[in-house]
Amino acid sequence: MNHNYFTYITTNKSRKVLYTGMTNDLRTRLEQHKEDAMGAKKTFAGKYNCYYLVFWERHQYVNYAIEREHEIKGWKRFKKVALINEFNPEWRFLNDEVD
């Protein structure tokens, strides 16, 4: 059985703030981040308008996605930026490319 879990990084429009998360439904999670940013701002991603996807990885097992999320969250910003630059050098917003 194939499972899909995602570790991802979002940013705000000015690309100043980074948010790292994990989910099993990336499209829905991005919509939730955007809804929170436009409304109640209950989460970090909502408060800082971090709903623009700039990096993502797919994992078959949930524990791999969780471990990777924790690993990336522990990094300093420069290391996260290097990861994004390797994956998405133009820092394009990838929300519309998620299937």
PDB file of N, CA and C in Angstrom:
ATOM      1  N   MET A   1       0.842  -1.177   0.000  1.00  0.00           N
ATOM      2  CA  MET A   1       0.000   0.000   0.000  1.00  0.00           C
ATOM      3  C   MET A   1       0.890   1.245   0.000  1.00  0.00           C
ATOM      4  N   ASN A   2       0.619   2.173  -0.880  1.00  0.00           N
ATOM      5  CA  ASN A   2       1.379   3.415  -0.947  1.00  0.00           C
ATOM      6  C   ASN A   2       0.745   4.473  -0.061  1.00  0.00           C
ATOM      7  N   HIS A   3       1.579   5.077   0.741  1.00  0.00           N
ATOM      8  CA  HIS A   3       1.147   6.188   1.574  1.00  0.00           C
ATOM      9  C   HIS A   3       1.944   7.409   1.161  1.00  0.00           C
ATOM     10  N   ASN A   4       1.360   8.563   1.295  1.00  0.00           N
ATOM     11  CA  ASN A   4       2.044   9.810   0.979  1.00  0.00           C
ATOM     12  C   ASN A   4       2.001  10.728   2.181  1.00  0.00           C
ATOM     13  N   TYR A   5       3.172  11.090   2.638  1.00  0.00           N
ATOM     14  CA  TYR A   5       3.335  12.059   3.706  1.00  0.00           C
ATOM     15  C   TYR A   5       4.324  13.093   3.201  1.00  0.00           C
ATOM     16  N   PHE A   6       4.138  14.312   3.622  1.00  0.00           N
ATOM     17  CA  PHE A   6       4.944  15.398   3.098  1.00  0.00           C
ATOM     18  C   PHE A   6       5.570  16.204   4.224  1.00  0.00           C
ATOM     19  N   THR A   7       6.815  16.548   4.031  1.00  0.00           N
ATOM     20  CA  THR A   7       7.479  17.561   4.829  1.00  0.00           C
ATOM     21  C   THR A   7       7.582  18.767   3.913  1.00  0.00           C
ATOM     22  N   TYR A   8       7.278  19.944   4.420  1.00  0.00           N
ATOM     23  CA  TYR A   8       7.213  21.104   3.544  1.00  0.00           C
ATOM     24  C   TYR A   8       7.676  22.360   4.266  1.00  0.00           C
ATOM     25  N   ILE A   9       8.018  23.365   3.468  1.00  0.00           N
ATOM     26  CA  ILE A   9       8.348  24.689   3.988  1.00  0.00           C
ATOM     27  C   ILE A   9       7.507  25.700   3.230  1.00  0.00           C
ATOM     28  N   THR A  10       6.856  26.572   3.995  1.00  0.00           N
ATOM     29  CA  THR A  10       6.123  27.685   3.409  1.00  0.00           C
ATOM     30  C   THR A  10       6.771  28.989   3.864  1.00  0.00           C
ATOM     31  N   THR A  11       6.417  30.038   3.166  1.00  0.00           N
ATOM     32  CA  THR A  11       6.924  31.365   3.497  1.00  0.00           C
ATOM     33  C   THR A  11       5.810  32.382   3.299  1.00  0.00           C
ATOM     34  N   ASN A  12       6.103  33.624   3.651  1.00  0.00           N
ATOM     35  CA  ASN A  12       5.140  34.701   3.396  1.00  0.00           C
ATOM     36  C   ASN A  12       5.482  35.364   2.068  1.00  0.00           C
ATOM     37  N   LYS A  13       4.684  36.319   1.660  1.00  0.00           N
ATOM     38  CA  LYS A  13       4.852  36.922   0.341  1.00  0.00           C
ATOM     39  C   LYS A  13       6.228  37.560   0.161  1.00  0.00           C
ATOM     40  N   SER A  14       6.771  38.155   1.212  1.00  0.00           N
ATOM     41  CA  SER A  14       8.082  38.805   1.119  1.00  0.00           C
ATOM     42  C   SER A  14       9.239  37.829   1.327  1.00  0.00           C
ATOM     43  N   ARG A  15       8.913  36.564   1.599  1.00  0.00           N
ATOM     44  CA  ARG A  15       9.900  35.497   1.784  1.00  0.00           C
ATOM     45  C   ARG A  15      10.798  35.717   3.007  1.00  0.00           C
ATOM     46  N   LYS A  16      10.289  36.415   4.007  1.00  0.00           N
ATOM     47  CA  LYS A  16      11.067  36.727   5.209  1.00  0.00           C
ATOM     48  C   LYS A  16      10.911  35.682   6.313  1.00  0.00           C
ATOM     49  N   VAL A  17       9.749  35.037   6.376  1.00  0.00           N
ATOM     50  CA  VAL A  17       9.454  34.087   7.441  1.00  0.00           C
ATOM     51  C   VAL A  17       9.328  32.696   6.833  1.00  0.00           C
ATOM     52  N   LEU A  18       9.866  31.692   7.520  1.00  0.00           N
ATOM     53  CA  LEU A  18       9.765  30.303   7.060  1.00  0.00           C
ATOM     54  C   LEU A  18       8.998  29.480   8.083  1.00  0.00           C
ATOM     55  N   TYR A  19       8.154  28.593   7.580  1.00  0.00           N
ATOM     56  CA  TYR A  19       7.414  27.663   8.430  1.00  0.00           C
ATOM     57  C   TYR A  19       7.637  26.257   7.886  1.00  0.00           C
ATOM     58  N   THR A  20       7.971  25.329   8.767  1.00  0.00           N
ATOM     59  CA  THR A  20       8.169  23.927   8.391  1.00  0.00           C
ATOM     60  C   THR A  20       7.061  23.087   9.003  1.00  0.00           C
ATOM     61  N   GLY A  21       6.490  22.192   8.201  1.00  0.00           N
ATOM     62  CA  GLY A  21       5.433  21.328   8.697  1.00  0.00           C
ATOM     63  C   GLY A  21       5.440  19.981   8.010  1.00  0.00           C
ATOM     64  N   MET A  22       4.505  19.135   8.423  1.00  0.00           N
ATOM     65  CA  MET A  22       4.312  17.833   7.775  1.00  0.00           C
ATOM     66  C   MET A  22       2.835  17.530   7.732  1.00  0.00           C
ATOM     67  N   THR A  23       2.435  16.785   6.706  1.00  0.00           N
ATOM     68  CA  THR A  23       1.026  16.460   6.506  1.00  0.00           C
ATOM     69  C   THR A  23       0.903  15.236   5.618  1.00  0.00           C
ATOM     70  N   ASN A  24      -0.284  14.672   5.570  1.00  0.00           N
ATOM     71  CA  ASN A  24      -0.547  13.602   4.607  1.00  0.00           C
ATOM     72  C   ASN A  24      -1.390  14.111   3.439  1.00  0.00           C
ATOM     73  N   ASP A  25      -1.756  15.388   3.457  1.00  0.00           N
ATOM     74  CA  ASP A  25      -2.550  15.987   2.382  1.00  0.00           C
ATOM     75  C   ASP A  25      -2.061  17.424   2.189  1.00  0.00           C
ATOM     76  N   LEU A  26      -1.073  17.576   1.333  1.00  0.00           N
ATOM     77  CA  LEU A  26      -0.394  18.858   1.182  1.00  0.00           C
ATOM     78  C   LEU A  26      -1.325  19.946   0.656  1.00  0.00           C
ATOM     79  N   ARG A  27      -2.124  19.642  -0.332  1.00  0.00           N
ATOM     80  CA  ARG A  27      -3.029  20.651  -0.910  1.00  0.00           C
ATOM     81  C   ARG A  27      -3.996  21.185   0.161  1.00  0.00           C
ATOM     82  N   THR A  28      -4.605  20.290   0.908  1.00  0.00           N
ATOM     83  CA  THR A  28      -5.542  20.701   1.949  1.00  0.00           C
ATOM     84  C   THR A  28      -4.838  21.498   3.035  1.00  0.00           C
ATOM     85  N   ARG A  29      -3.641  21.066   3.406  1.00  0.00           N
ATOM     86  CA  ARG A  29      -2.907  21.772   4.462  1.00  0.00           C
ATOM     87  C   ARG A  29      -2.557  23.195   4.027  1.00  0.00           C
ATOM     88  N   LEU A  30      -2.164  23.375   2.775  1.00  0.00           N
ATOM     89  CA  LEU A  30      -1.858  24.720   2.278  1.00  0.00           C
ATOM     90  C   LEU A  30      -3.114  25.598   2.299  1.00  0.00           C
ATOM     91  N   GLU A  31      -4.248  25.024   1.948  1.00  0.00           N
ATOM     92  CA  GLU A  31      -5.506  25.766   2.001  1.00  0.00           C
ATOM     93  C   GLU A  31      -5.839  26.166   3.436  1.00  0.00           C
ATOM     94  N   GLN A  32      -5.570  25.261   4.389  1.00  0.00           N
ATOM     95  CA  GLN A  32      -5.810  25.570   5.796  1.00  0.00           C
ATOM     96  C   GLN A  32      -4.915  26.715   6.273  1.00  0.00           C
ATOM     97  N   HIS A  33      -3.650  26.693   5.867  1.00  0.00           N
ATOM     98  CA  HIS A  33      -2.741  27.778   6.233  1.00  0.00           C
ATOM     99  C   HIS A  33      -3.263  29.115   5.686  1.00  0.00           C
ATOM    100  N   LYS A  34      -3.708  29.104   4.440  1.00  0.00           N
ATOM    101  CA  LYS A  34      -4.202  30.335   3.820  1.00  0.00           C
ATOM    102  C   LYS A  34      -5.472  30.828   4.516  1.00  0.00           C
ATOM    103  N   GLU A  35      -6.389  29.908   4.796  1.00  0.00           N
ATOM    104  CA  GLU A  35      -7.622  30.284   5.489  1.00  0.00           C
ATOM    105  C   GLU A  35      -7.326  30.905   6.850  1.00  0.00           C
ATOM    106  N   ASP A  36      -6.377  30.325   7.581  1.00  0.00           N
ATOM    107  CA  ASP A  36      -6.017  30.860   8.888  1.00  0.00           C
ATOM    108  C   ASP A  36      -5.392  32.249   8.747  1.00  0.00           C
ATOM    109  N   ALA A  37      -4.546  32.420   7.733  1.00  0.00           N
ATOM    110  CA  ALA A  37      -3.902  33.724   7.510  1.00  0.00           C
ATOM    111  C   ALA A  37      -4.933  34.791   7.164  1.00  0.00           C
ATOM    112  N   MET A  38      -5.957  34.411   6.417  1.00  0.00           N
ATOM    113  CA  MET A  38      -6.987  35.368   6.003  1.00  0.00           C
ATOM    114  C   MET A  38      -8.042  35.593   7.089  1.00  0.00           C
ATOM    115  N   GLY A  39      -8.029  34.725   8.095  1.00  0.00           N
ATOM    116  CA  GLY A  39      -9.067  34.809   9.115  1.00  0.00           C
ATOM    117  C   GLY A  39      -8.529  34.978  10.521  1.00  0.00           C
ATOM    118  N   ALA A  40      -8.645  33.940  11.313  1.00  0.00           N
ATOM    119  CA  ALA A  40      -8.398  34.005  12.751  1.00  0.00           C
ATOM    120  C   ALA A  40      -6.929  34.161  13.156  1.00  0.00           C
ATOM    121  N   LYS A  41      -6.016  33.734  12.313  1.00  0.00           N
ATOM    122  CA  LYS A  41      -4.569  33.788  12.608  1.00  0.00           C
ATOM    123  C   LYS A  41      -4.253  33.075  13.925  1.00  0.00           C
ATOM    124  N   LYS A  42      -4.730  31.828  14.052  1.00  0.00           N
ATOM    125  CA  LYS A  42      -4.553  31.053  15.276  1.00  0.00           C
ATOM    126  C   LYS A  42      -3.215  30.327  15.338  1.00  0.00           C
ATOM    127  N   THR A  43      -2.562  30.132  14.201  1.00  0.00           N
ATOM    128  CA  THR A  43      -1.311  29.372  14.165  1.00  0.00           C
ATOM    129  C   THR A  43      -0.156  30.280  13.747  1.00  0.00           C
ATOM    130  N   PHE A  44       1.059  29.770  13.912  1.00  0.00           N
ATOM    131  CA  PHE A  44       2.245  30.514  13.467  1.00  0.00           C
ATOM    132  C   PHE A  44       2.132  30.841  11.986  1.00  0.00           C
ATOM    133  N   ALA A  45       1.807  29.833  11.193  1.00  0.00           N
ATOM    134  CA  ALA A  45       1.709  30.037   9.741  1.00  0.00           C
ATOM    135  C   ALA A  45       0.650  31.088   9.416  1.00  0.00           C
ATOM    136  N   GLY A  46      -0.462  31.072  10.115  1.00  0.00           N
ATOM    137  CA  GLY A  46      -1.506  32.060   9.883  1.00  0.00           C
ATOM    138  C   GLY A  46      -1.097  33.450  10.331  1.00  0.00           C
ATOM    139  N   LYS A  47      -0.502  33.529  11.497  1.00  0.00           N
ATOM    140  CA  LYS A  47      -0.083  34.826  12.045  1.00  0.00           C
ATOM    141  C   LYS A  47       0.902  35.542  11.133  1.00  0.00           C
ATOM    142  N   TYR A  48       1.814  34.778  10.530  1.00  0.00           N
ATOM    143  CA  TYR A  48       2.854  35.362   9.678  1.00  0.00           C
ATOM    144  C   TYR A  48       2.576  35.191   8.183  1.00  0.00           C
ATOM    145  N   ASN A  49       1.355  34.783   7.841  1.00  0.00           N
ATOM    146  CA  ASN A  49       0.929  34.635   6.440  1.00  0.00           C
ATOM    147  C   ASN A  49       1.822  33.685   5.649  1.00  0.00           C
ATOM    148  N   CYS A  50       2.231  32.603   6.277  1.00  0.00           N
ATOM    149  CA  CYS A  50       3.109  31.620   5.634  1.00  0.00           C
ATOM    150  C   CYS A  50       2.264  30.536   4.965  1.00  0.00           C
ATOM    151  N   TYR A  51       1.789  30.833   3.788  1.00  0.00           N
ATOM    152  CA  TYR A  51       1.031  29.824   3.050  1.00  0.00           C
ATOM    153  C   TYR A  51       1.533  29.660   1.623  1.00  0.00           C
ATOM    154  N   TYR A  52       2.682  30.225   1.320  1.00  0.00           N
ATOM    155  CA  TYR A  52       3.298  30.074  -0.002  1.00  0.00           C
ATOM    156  C   TYR A  52       4.319  28.938   0.053  1.00  0.00           C
ATOM    157  N   LEU A  53       4.051  27.867  -0.663  1.00  0.00           N
ATOM    158  CA  LEU A  53       4.906  26.683  -0.657  1.00  0.00           C
ATOM    159  C   LEU A  53       6.174  26.942  -1.461  1.00  0.00           C
ATOM    160  N   VAL A  54       7.346  26.697  -0.843  1.00  0.00           N
ATOM    161  CA  VAL A  54       8.625  26.860  -1.547  1.00  0.00           C
ATOM    162  C   VAL A  54       9.463  25.582  -1.550  1.00  0.00           C
ATOM    163  N   PHE A  55       9.078  24.599  -0.728  1.00  0.00           N
ATOM    164  CA  PHE A  55       9.826  23.339  -0.657  1.00  0.00           C
ATOM    165  C   PHE A  55       8.885  22.252  -0.167  1.00  0.00           C
ATOM    166  N   TRP A  56       9.061  21.050  -0.726  1.00  0.00           N
ATOM    167  CA  TRP A  56       8.345  19.895  -0.204  1.00  0.00           C
ATOM    168  C   TRP A  56       9.086  18.614  -0.547  1.00  0.00           C
ATOM    169  N   GLU A  57       8.893  17.615   0.294  1.00  0.00           N
ATOM    170  CA  GLU A  57       9.412  16.261   0.079  1.00  0.00           C
ATOM    171  C   GLU A  57       8.280  15.281   0.340  1.00  0.00           C
ATOM    172  N   ARG A  58       8.265  14.206  -0.415  1.00  0.00           N
ATOM    173  CA  ARG A  58       7.269  13.149  -0.217  1.00  0.00           C
ATOM    174  C   ARG A  58       7.949  11.990   0.509  1.00  0.00           C
ATOM    175  N   HIS A  59       7.226  11.399   1.454  1.00  0.00           N
ATOM    176  CA  HIS A  59       7.732  10.251   2.208  1.00  0.00           C
ATOM    177  C   HIS A  59       6.668   9.150   2.194  1.00  0.00           C
ATOM    178  N   GLN A  60       7.116   7.913   2.178  1.00  0.00           N
ATOM    179  CA  GLN A  60       6.173   6.798   2.196  1.00  0.00           C
ATOM    180  C   GLN A  60       5.677   6.509   3.613  1.00  0.00           C
ATOM    181  N   TYR A  61       6.524   6.763   4.593  1.00  0.00           N
ATOM    182  CA  TYR A  61       6.182   6.416   5.970  1.00  0.00           C
ATOM    183  C   TYR A  61       6.068   7.667   6.829  1.00  0.00           C
ATOM    184  N   VAL A  62       5.044   7.712   7.653  1.00  0.00           N
ATOM    185  CA  VAL A  62       4.778   8.891   8.469  1.00  0.00           C
ATOM    186  C   VAL A  62       5.944   9.211   9.401  1.00  0.00           C
ATOM    187  N   ASN A  63       6.586   8.176   9.951  1.00  0.00           N
ATOM    188  CA  ASN A  63       7.678   8.453  10.884  1.00  0.00           C
ATOM    189  C   ASN A  63       8.851   9.135  10.187  1.00  0.00           C
ATOM    190  N   TYR A  64       9.080   8.847   8.903  1.00  0.00           N
ATOM    191  CA  TYR A  64      10.141   9.540   8.161  1.00  0.00           C
ATOM    192  C   TYR A  64       9.800  11.014   7.994  1.00  0.00           C
ATOM    193  N   ALA A  65       8.548  11.298   7.681  1.00  0.00           N
ATOM    194  CA  ALA A  65       8.122  12.690   7.498  1.00  0.00           C
ATOM    195  C   ALA A  65       8.232  13.471   8.806  1.00  0.00           C
ATOM    196  N   ILE A  66       7.839  12.850   9.907  1.00  0.00           N
ATOM    197  CA  ILE A  66       7.919  13.511  11.214  1.00  0.00           C
ATOM    198  C   ILE A  66       9.375  13.761  11.599  1.00  0.00           C
ATOM    199  N   GLU A  67      10.227  12.756  11.403  1.00  0.00           N
ATOM    200  CA  GLU A  67      11.649  12.916  11.716  1.00  0.00           C
ATOM    201  C   GLU A  67      12.276  14.029  10.884  1.00  0.00           C
ATOM    202  N   ARG A  68      11.925  14.077   9.615  1.00  0.00           N
ATOM    203  CA  ARG A  68      12.479  15.105   8.735  1.00  0.00           C
ATOM    204  C   ARG A  68      11.974  16.492   9.139  1.00  0.00           C
ATOM    205  N   GLU A  69      10.700  16.590   9.489  1.00  0.00           N
ATOM    206  CA  GLU A  69      10.162  17.870   9.958  1.00  0.00           C
ATOM    207  C   GLU A  69      10.941  18.358  11.175  1.00  0.00           C
ATOM    208  N   HIS A  70      11.154  17.479  12.139  1.00  0.00           N
ATOM    209  CA  HIS A  70      11.894  17.860  13.349  1.00  0.00           C
ATOM    210  C   HIS A  70      13.333  18.230  13.030  1.00  0.00           C
ATOM    211  N   GLU A  71      13.937  17.507  12.103  1.00  0.00           N
ATOM    212  CA  GLU A  71      15.307  17.815  11.703  1.00  0.00           C
ATOM    213  C   GLU A  71      15.383  19.236  11.114  1.00  0.00           C
ATOM    214  N   ILE A  72      14.521  19.523  10.154  1.00  0.00           N
ATOM    215  CA  ILE A  72      14.546  20.828   9.488  1.00  0.00           C
ATOM    216  C   ILE A  72      14.196  21.942  10.471  1.00  0.00           C
ATOM    217  N   LYS A  73      13.218  21.719  11.339  1.00  0.00           N
ATOM    218  CA  LYS A  73      12.851  22.744  12.328  1.00  0.00           C
ATOM    219  C   LYS A  73      14.027  23.087  13.237  1.00  0.00           C
ATOM    220  N   GLY A  74      14.927  22.134  13.444  1.00  0.00           N
ATOM    221  CA  GLY A  74      16.085  22.369  14.300  1.00  0.00           C
ATOM    222  C   GLY A  74      17.218  23.136  13.634  1.00  0.00           C
ATOM    223  N   TRP A  75      17.116  23.323  12.341  1.00  0.00           N
ATOM    224  CA  TRP A  75      18.174  24.013  11.595  1.00  0.00           C
ATOM    225  C   TRP A  75      18.091  25.517  11.772  1.00  0.00           C
ATOM    226  N   LYS A  76      19.216  26.169  11.592  1.00  0.00           N
ATOM    227  CA  LYS A  76      19.263  27.628  11.493  1.00  0.00           C
ATOM    228  C   LYS A  76      18.715  28.022  10.119  1.00  0.00           C
ATOM    229  N   ARG A  77      18.308  29.272  10.002  1.00  0.00           N
ATOM    230  CA  ARG A  77      17.696  29.758   8.764  1.00  0.00           C
ATOM    231  C   ARG A  77      18.586  29.530   7.544  1.00  0.00           C
ATOM    232  N   PHE A  78      19.891  29.779   7.655  1.00  0.00           N
ATOM    233  CA  PHE A  78      20.762  29.660   6.485  1.00  0.00           C
ATOM    234  C   PHE A  78      20.740  28.250   5.901  1.00  0.00           C
ATOM    235  N   LYS A  79      20.593  27.251   6.746  1.00  0.00           N
ATOM    236  CA  LYS A  79      20.546  25.871   6.256  1.00  0.00           C
ATOM    237  C   LYS A  79      19.208  25.580   5.568  1.00  0.00           C
ATOM    238  N   LYS A  80      18.128  26.135   6.094  1.00  0.00           N
ATOM    239  CA  LYS A  80      16.816  25.988   5.452  1.00  0.00           C
ATOM    240  C   LYS A  80      16.826  26.690   4.092  1.00  0.00           C
ATOM    241  N   VAL A  81      17.428  27.867   4.044  1.00  0.00           N
ATOM    242  CA  VAL A  81      17.523  28.615   2.781  1.00  0.00           C
ATOM    243  C   VAL A  81      18.319  27.816   1.754  1.00  0.00           C
ATOM    244  N   ALA A  82      19.400  27.183   2.173  1.00  0.00           N
ATOM    245  CA  ALA A  82      20.198  26.365   1.256  1.00  0.00           C
ATOM    246  C   ALA A  82      19.374  25.198   0.713  1.00  0.00           C
ATOM    247  N   LEU A  83      18.573  24.575   1.558  1.00  0.00           N
ATOM    248  CA  LEU A  83      17.705  23.474   1.120  1.00  0.00           C
ATOM    249  C   LEU A  83      16.692  23.967   0.089  1.00  0.00           C
ATOM    250  N   ILE A  84      16.071  25.102   0.365  1.00  0.00           N
ATOM    251  CA  ILE A  84      15.106  25.676  -0.581  1.00  0.00           C
ATOM    252  C   ILE A  84      15.801  26.041  -1.885  1.00  0.00           C
ATOM    253  N   ASN A  85      16.966  26.668  -1.792  1.00  0.00           N
ATOM    254  CA  ASN A  85      17.706  27.068  -2.994  1.00  0.00           C
ATOM    255  C   ASN A  85      18.066  25.879  -3.878  1.00  0.00           C
ATOM    256  N   GLU A  86      18.372  24.750  -3.264  1.00  0.00           N
ATOM    257  CA  GLU A  86      18.695  23.541  -4.032  1.00  0.00           C
ATOM    258  C   GLU A  86      17.462  22.993  -4.740  1.00  0.00           C
ATOM    259  N   PHE A  87      16.325  23.033  -4.066  1.00  0.00           N
ATOM    260  CA  PHE A  87      15.075  22.486  -4.591  1.00  0.00           C
ATOM    261  C   PHE A  87      14.367  23.463  -5.531  1.00  0.00           C
ATOM    262  N   ASN A  88      14.419  24.747  -5.195  1.00  0.00           N
ATOM    263  CA  ASN A  88      13.611  25.764  -5.865  1.00  0.00           C
ATOM    264  C   ASN A  88      14.408  27.070  -5.900  1.00  0.00           C
ATOM    265  N   PRO A  89      15.453  27.136  -6.747  1.00  0.00           N
ATOM    266  CA  PRO A  89      16.380  28.284  -6.728  1.00  0.00           C
ATOM    267  C   PRO A  89      15.720  29.647  -6.918  1.00  0.00           C
ATOM    268  N   GLU A  90      14.597  29.714  -7.621  1.00  0.00           N
ATOM    269  CA  GLU A  90      13.921  30.994  -7.848  1.00  0.00           C
ATOM    270  C   GLU A  90      12.944  31.337  -6.721  1.00  0.00           C
ATOM    271  N   TRP A  91      12.788  30.426  -5.777  1.00  0.00           N
ATOM    272  CA  TRP A  91      11.822  30.594  -4.689  1.00  0.00           C
ATOM    273  C   TRP A  91      10.423  30.859  -5.253  1.00  0.00           C
ATOM    274  N   ARG A  92      10.083  30.136  -6.320  1.00  0.00           N
ATOM    275  CA  ARG A  92       8.732  30.250  -6.876  1.00  0.00           C
ATOM    276  C   ARG A  92       7.733  29.688  -5.867  1.00  0.00           C
ATOM    277  N   PHE A  93       6.538  30.235  -5.858  1.00  0.00           N
ATOM    278  CA  PHE A  93       5.473  29.705  -5.020  1.00  0.00           C
ATOM    279  C   PHE A  93       4.872  28.517  -5.748  1.00  0.00           C
ATOM    280  N   LEU A  94       4.950  27.353  -5.133  1.00  0.00           N
ATOM    281  CA  LEU A  94       4.630  26.083  -5.789  1.00  0.00           C
ATOM    282  C   LEU A  94       3.215  25.580  -5.480  1.00  0.00           C
ATOM    283  N   ASN A  95       2.402  26.373  -4.857  1.00  0.00           N
ATOM    284  CA  ASN A  95       1.068  25.918  -4.430  1.00  0.00           C
ATOM    285  C   ASN A  95       0.257  25.316  -5.566  1.00  0.00           C
ATOM    286  N   ASP A  96       0.314  25.913  -6.740  1.00  0.00           N
ATOM    287  CA  ASP A  96      -0.492  25.424  -7.858  1.00  0.00           C
ATOM    288  C   ASP A  96       0.086  24.171  -8.514  1.00  0.00           C
ATOM    289  N   GLU A  97       1.285  23.771  -8.106  1.00  0.00           N
ATOM    290  CA  GLU A  97       1.920  22.598  -8.711  1.00  0.00           C
ATOM    291  C   GLU A  97       1.735  21.337  -7.881  1.00  0.00           C
ATOM    292  N   VAL A  98       1.060  21.459  -6.751  1.00  0.00           N
ATOM    293  CA  VAL A  98       0.819  20.309  -5.872  1.00  0.00           C
ATOM    294  C   VAL A  98      -0.336  19.501  -6.442  1.00  0.00           C
ATOM    295  N   ASP A  99      -0.121  18.188  -6.561  1.00  0.00           N
ATOM    296  CA  ASP A  99      -1.211  17.337  -7.074  1.00  0.00           C
ATOM    297  C   ASP A  99      -1.989  16.694  -5.976  1.00  0.00           C
TER     298      ASP A  99
END
